[in-house]
Amino acid sequence: MEEEGKEYNWYTGKWEEESGTSTTTKPTCQKCGGSSDMDWKYCPYCGGLWEPTNGREI
């Protein structure tokens, strides 16, 4: 499913041009510090809330 030179943005649901810097900031759990590529509302590891990423309310 990976497209050459593009990366999937889970926040917009679209493929975007890959930039030199990582634009996809993984949400990080405030409780256990775990992170995931998926767009969970809660941490799949401990059930804690994610820290907001990319100015998006989670």
PDB file of N, CA and C in Angstrom:
ATOM      1  N   MET A   1       0.838  -1.207   0.000  1.00  0.00           N
ATOM      2  CA  MET A   1       0.000   0.000   0.000  1.00  0.00           C
ATOM      3  C   MET A   1       0.877   1.262   0.000  1.00  0.00           C
ATOM      4  N   GLU A   2       2.143   1.095   0.316  1.00  0.00           N
ATOM      5  CA  GLU A   2       3.078   2.224   0.353  1.00  0.00           C
ATOM      6  C   GLU A   2       3.280   2.801  -1.049  1.00  0.00           C
ATOM      7  N   GLU A   3       3.181   4.083  -1.177  1.00  0.00           N
ATOM      8  CA  GLU A   3       3.411   4.723  -2.469  1.00  0.00           C
ATOM      9  C   GLU A   3       4.809   5.336  -2.486  1.00  0.00           C
ATOM     10  N   GLU A   4       5.498   5.164  -3.598  1.00  0.00           N
ATOM     11  CA  GLU A   4       6.875   5.653  -3.721  1.00  0.00           C
ATOM     12  C   GLU A   4       6.964   7.164  -3.534  1.00  0.00           C
ATOM     13  N   GLY A   5       7.841   7.588  -2.617  1.00  0.00           N
ATOM     14  CA  GLY A   5       8.054   9.017  -2.405  1.00  0.00           C
ATOM     15  C   GLY A   5       6.930   9.735  -1.689  1.00  0.00           C
ATOM     16  N   LYS A   6       5.964   8.968  -1.201  1.00  0.00           N
ATOM     17  CA  LYS A   6       4.848   9.581  -0.471  1.00  0.00           C
ATOM     18  C   LYS A   6       4.660   8.854   0.844  1.00  0.00           C
ATOM     19  N   GLU A   7       4.073   9.555   1.796  1.00  0.00           N
ATOM     20  CA  GLU A   7       3.754   8.894   3.048  1.00  0.00           C
ATOM     21  C   GLU A   7       2.296   9.146   3.400  1.00  0.00           C
ATOM     22  N   TYR A   8       1.689   8.153   4.029  1.00  0.00           N
ATOM     23  CA  TYR A   8       0.284   8.259   4.386  1.00  0.00           C
ATOM     24  C   TYR A   8       0.140   9.092   5.644  1.00  0.00           C
ATOM     25  N   ASN A   9      -0.696  10.101   5.578  1.00  0.00           N
ATOM     26  CA  ASN A   9      -0.944  10.959   6.729  1.00  0.00           C
ATOM     27  C   ASN A   9      -2.235  10.485   7.405  1.00  0.00           C
ATOM     28  N   TRP A  10      -2.092   9.922   8.588  1.00  0.00           N
ATOM     29  CA  TRP A  10      -3.258   9.372   9.304  1.00  0.00           C
ATOM     30  C   TRP A  10      -4.222  10.464   9.740  1.00  0.00           C
ATOM     31  N   TYR A  11      -3.705  11.687   9.842  1.00  0.00           N
ATOM     32  CA  TYR A  11      -4.549  12.771  10.333  1.00  0.00           C
ATOM     33  C   TYR A  11      -5.469  13.313   9.253  1.00  0.00           C
ATOM     34  N   THR A  12      -4.989  13.294   7.987  1.00  0.00           N
ATOM     35  CA  THR A  12      -5.832  13.795   6.902  1.00  0.00           C
ATOM     36  C   THR A  12      -6.429  12.651   6.095  1.00  0.00           C
ATOM     37  N   GLY A  13      -5.859  11.447   6.258  1.00  0.00           N
ATOM     38  CA  GLY A  13      -6.343  10.288   5.503  1.00  0.00           C
ATOM     39  C   GLY A  13      -5.909  10.334   4.044  1.00  0.00           C
ATOM     40  N   LYS A  14      -4.817  11.052   3.771  1.00  0.00           N
ATOM     41  CA  LYS A  14      -4.350  11.194   2.391  1.00  0.00           C
ATOM     42  C   LYS A  14      -2.868  10.870   2.283  1.00  0.00           C
ATOM     43  N   TRP A  15      -2.460  10.522   1.058  1.00  0.00           N
ATOM     44  CA  TRP A  15      -1.039  10.358   0.784  1.00  0.00           C
ATOM     45  C   TRP A  15      -0.453  11.731   0.528  1.00  0.00           C
ATOM     46  N   GLU A  16       0.690  12.029   1.136  1.00  0.00           N
ATOM     47  CA  GLU A  16       1.311  13.336   0.962  1.00  0.00           C
ATOM     48  C   GLU A  16       2.761  13.167   0.551  1.00  0.00           C
ATOM     49  N   GLU A  17       3.268  14.185  -0.134  1.00  0.00           N
ATOM     50  CA  GLU A  17       4.666  14.155  -0.560  1.00  0.00           C
ATOM     51  C   GLU A  17       5.565  14.022   0.661  1.00  0.00           C
ATOM     52  N   GLU A  18       6.529  13.148   0.559  1.00  0.00           N
ATOM     53  CA  GLU A  18       7.462  12.966   1.660  1.00  0.00           C
ATOM     54  C   GLU A  18       8.383  14.174   1.732  1.00  0.00           C
ATOM     55  N   SER A  19       8.543  14.714   2.921  1.00  0.00           N
ATOM     56  CA  SER A  19       9.451  15.840   3.087  1.00  0.00           C
ATOM     57  C   SER A  19      10.683  15.362   3.838  1.00  0.00           C
ATOM     58  N   GLY A  20      11.719  16.173   3.807  1.00  0.00           N
ATOM     59  CA  GLY A  20      12.962  15.808   4.472  1.00  0.00           C
ATOM     60  C   GLY A  20      12.777  15.592   5.965  1.00  0.00           C
ATOM     61  N   THR A  21      11.925  16.410   6.562  1.00  0.00           N
ATOM     62  CA  THR A  21      11.654  16.255   7.983  1.00  0.00           C
ATOM     63  C   THR A  21      10.359  15.474   8.144  1.00  0.00           C
ATOM     64  N   SER A  22      10.261  14.750   9.220  1.00  0.00           N
ATOM     65  CA  SER A  22       9.062  13.941   9.451  1.00  0.00           C
ATOM     66  C   SER A  22       7.892  14.855   9.803  1.00  0.00           C
ATOM     67  N   THR A  23       6.853  14.788   8.986  1.00  0.00           N
ATOM     68  CA  THR A  23       5.681  15.620   9.232  1.00  0.00           C
ATOM     69  C   THR A  23       4.653  14.840  10.042  1.00  0.00           C
ATOM     70  N   THR A  24       4.789  13.519  10.059  1.00  0.00           N
ATOM     71  CA  THR A  24       3.833  12.705  10.800  1.00  0.00           C
ATOM     72  C   THR A  24       4.358  12.496  12.210  1.00  0.00           C
ATOM     73  N   THR A  25       3.840  13.313  13.129  1.00  0.00           N
ATOM     74  CA  THR A  25       4.217  13.180  14.524  1.00  0.00           C
ATOM     75  C   THR A  25       3.313  12.142  15.148  1.00  0.00           C
ATOM     76  N   LYS A  26       3.901  11.102  15.692  1.00  0.00           N
ATOM     77  CA  LYS A  26       3.081  10.063  16.313  1.00  0.00           C
ATOM     78  C   LYS A  26       2.530  10.589  17.626  1.00  0.00           C
ATOM     79  N   PRO A  27       1.260  10.296  17.909  1.00  0.00           N
ATOM     80  CA  PRO A  27       0.741  10.671  19.220  1.00  0.00           C
ATOM     81  C   PRO A  27       1.508   9.914  20.301  1.00  0.00           C
ATOM     82  N   THR A  28       1.784  10.575  21.400  1.00  0.00           N
ATOM     83  CA  THR A  28       2.504   9.952  22.497  1.00  0.00           C
ATOM     84  C   THR A  28       1.635   9.955  23.745  1.00  0.00           C
ATOM     85  N   CYS A  29       1.629   8.844  24.432  1.00  0.00           N
ATOM     86  CA  CYS A  29       0.807   8.732  25.639  1.00  0.00           C
ATOM     87  C   CYS A  29       1.408   9.536  26.779  1.00  0.00           C
ATOM     88  N   GLN A  30       0.560  10.320  27.467  1.00  0.00           N
ATOM     89  CA  GLN A  30       1.021  11.133  28.597  1.00  0.00           C
ATOM     90  C   GLN A  30       1.358  10.240  29.788  1.00  0.00           C
ATOM     91  N   LYS A  31       0.732   9.061  29.825  1.00  0.00           N
ATOM     92  CA  LYS A  31       0.856   8.179  30.983  1.00  0.00           C
ATOM     93  C   LYS A  31       2.083   7.260  30.887  1.00  0.00           C
ATOM     94  N   CYS A  32       2.192   6.505  29.784  1.00  0.00           N
ATOM     95  CA  CYS A  32       3.274   5.520  29.699  1.00  0.00           C
ATOM     96  C   CYS A  32       4.319   5.872  28.648  1.00  0.00           C
ATOM     97  N   GLY A  33       4.052   6.921  27.838  1.00  0.00           N
ATOM     98  CA  GLY A  33       5.039   7.350  26.855  1.00  0.00           C
ATOM     99  C   GLY A  33       5.044   6.531  25.579  1.00  0.00           C
ATOM    100  N   GLY A  34       4.109   5.580  25.463  1.00  0.00           N
ATOM    101  CA  GLY A  34       4.018   4.772  24.252  1.00  0.00           C
ATOM    102  C   GLY A  34       3.515   5.603  23.084  1.00  0.00           C
ATOM    103  N   SER A  35       3.879   5.202  21.856  1.00  0.00           N
ATOM    104  CA  SER A  35       3.379   5.913  20.685  1.00  0.00           C
ATOM    105  C   SER A  35       2.946   4.915  19.626  1.00  0.00           C
ATOM    106  N   SER A  36       2.093   5.352  18.712  1.00  0.00           N
ATOM    107  CA  SER A  36       1.543   4.457  17.708  1.00  0.00           C
ATOM    108  C   SER A  36       1.272   5.222  16.429  1.00  0.00           C
ATOM    109  N   ASP A  37       1.347   4.520  15.294  1.00  0.00           N
ATOM    110  CA  ASP A  37       1.013   5.135  14.010  1.00  0.00           C
ATOM    111  C   ASP A  37      -0.489   5.286  13.852  1.00  0.00           C
ATOM    112  N   MET A  38      -1.238   4.501  14.578  1.00  0.00           N
ATOM    113  CA  MET A  38      -2.686   4.497  14.403  1.00  0.00           C
ATOM    114  C   MET A  38      -3.320   5.698  15.101  1.00  0.00           C
ATOM    115  N   ASP A  39      -4.518   6.042  14.642  1.00  0.00           N
ATOM    116  CA  ASP A  39      -5.213   7.211  15.161  1.00  0.00           C
ATOM    117  C   ASP A  39      -6.140   6.812  16.308  1.00  0.00           C
ATOM    118  N   TRP A  40      -5.546   6.305  17.388  1.00  0.00           N
ATOM    119  CA  TRP A  40      -6.347   5.905  18.540  1.00  0.00           C
ATOM    120  C   TRP A  40      -6.764   7.138  19.329  1.00  0.00           C
ATOM    121  N   LYS A  41      -7.864   7.008  20.066  1.00  0.00           N
ATOM    122  CA  LYS A  41      -8.232   8.082  20.982  1.00  0.00           C
ATOM    123  C   LYS A  41      -7.496   7.876  22.309  1.00  0.00           C
ATOM    124  N   TYR A  42      -7.310   6.604  22.667  1.00  0.00           N
ATOM    125  CA  TYR A  42      -6.608   6.278  23.902  1.00  0.00           C
ATOM    126  C   TYR A  42      -5.407   5.393  23.589  1.00  0.00           C
ATOM    127  N   CYS A  43      -4.443   5.394  24.473  1.00  0.00           N
ATOM    128  CA  CYS A  43      -3.237   4.576  24.313  1.00  0.00           C
ATOM    129  C   CYS A  43      -3.604   3.092  24.308  1.00  0.00           C
ATOM    130  N   PRO A  44      -3.167   2.342  23.276  1.00  0.00           N
ATOM    131  CA  PRO A  44      -3.492   0.917  23.220  1.00  0.00           C
ATOM    132  C   PRO A  44      -2.721   0.106  24.267  1.00  0.00           C
ATOM    133  N   TYR A  45      -1.705   0.725  24.874  1.00  0.00           N
ATOM    134  CA  TYR A  45      -0.877  -0.001  25.839  1.00  0.00           C
ATOM    135  C   TYR A  45      -1.416   0.099  27.261  1.00  0.00           C
ATOM    136  N   CYS A  46      -1.787   1.322  27.667  1.00  0.00           N
ATOM    137  CA  CYS A  46      -2.210   1.476  29.065  1.00  0.00           C
ATOM    138  C   CYS A  46      -3.585   2.140  29.198  1.00  0.00           C
ATOM    139  N   GLY A  47      -4.166   2.588  28.079  1.00  0.00           N
ATOM    140  CA  GLY A  47      -5.491   3.201  28.147  1.00  0.00           C
ATOM    141  C   GLY A  47      -5.469   4.681  28.492  1.00  0.00           C
ATOM    142  N   GLY A  48      -4.248   5.256  28.616  1.00  0.00           N
ATOM    143  CA  GLY A  48      -4.138   6.687  28.920  1.00  0.00           C
ATOM    144  C   GLY A  48      -4.459   7.534  27.701  1.00  0.00           C
ATOM    145  N   LEU A  49      -4.678   8.813  27.920  1.00  0.00           N
ATOM    146  CA  LEU A  49      -4.965   9.724  26.814  1.00  0.00           C
ATOM    147  C   LEU A  49      -3.689  10.087  26.071  1.00  0.00           C
ATOM    148  N   TRP A  50      -3.815  10.227  24.744  1.00  0.00           N
ATOM    149  CA  TRP A  50      -2.682  10.694  23.945  1.00  0.00           C
ATOM    150  C   TRP A  50      -2.450  12.169  24.209  1.00  0.00           C
ATOM    151  N   GLU A  51      -1.213  12.616  24.006  1.00  0.00           N
ATOM    152  CA  GLU A  51      -0.955  14.049  23.961  1.00  0.00           C
ATOM    153  C   GLU A  51      -1.427  14.525  22.599  1.00  0.00           C
ATOM    154  N   PRO A  52      -2.010  15.722  22.505  1.00  0.00           N
ATOM    155  CA  PRO A  52      -2.446  16.244  21.207  1.00  0.00           C
ATOM    156  C   PRO A  52      -1.247  16.392  20.269  1.00  0.00           C
ATOM    157  N   THR A  53      -1.427  16.012  19.002  1.00  0.00           N
ATOM    158  CA  THR A  53      -0.350  16.160  18.027  1.00  0.00           C
ATOM    159  C   THR A  53      -0.841  16.975  16.849  1.00  0.00           C
ATOM    160  N   ASN A  54       0.058  17.720  16.258  1.00  0.00           N
ATOM    161  CA  ASN A  54      -0.234  18.550  15.085  1.00  0.00           C
ATOM    162  C   ASN A  54      -1.400  19.502  15.340  1.00  0.00           C
ATOM    163  N   GLY A  55      -1.561  19.941  16.565  1.00  0.00           N
ATOM    164  CA  GLY A  55      -2.621  20.889  16.895  1.00  0.00           C
ATOM    165  C   GLY A  55      -4.008  20.304  16.732  1.00  0.00           C
ATOM    166  N   ARG A  56      -4.093  18.983  16.732  1.00  0.00           N
ATOM    167  CA  ARG A  56      -5.377  18.317  16.498  1.00  0.00           C
ATOM    168  C   ARG A  56      -5.900  17.798  17.827  1.00  0.00           C
ATOM    169  N   GLU A  57      -7.179  18.022  18.065  1.00  0.00           N
ATOM    170  CA  GLU A  57      -7.781  17.510  19.292  1.00  0.00           C
ATOM    171  C   GLU A  57      -7.964  16.010  19.149  1.00  0.00           C
ATOM    172  N   ILE A  58      -7.557  15.269  20.166  1.00  0.00           N
ATOM    173  CA  ILE A  58      -7.707  13.807  20.117  1.00  0.00           C
ATOM    174  C   ILE A  58      -8.687  13.380  21.195  1.00  0.00           C
TER     175      ILE A  58
END
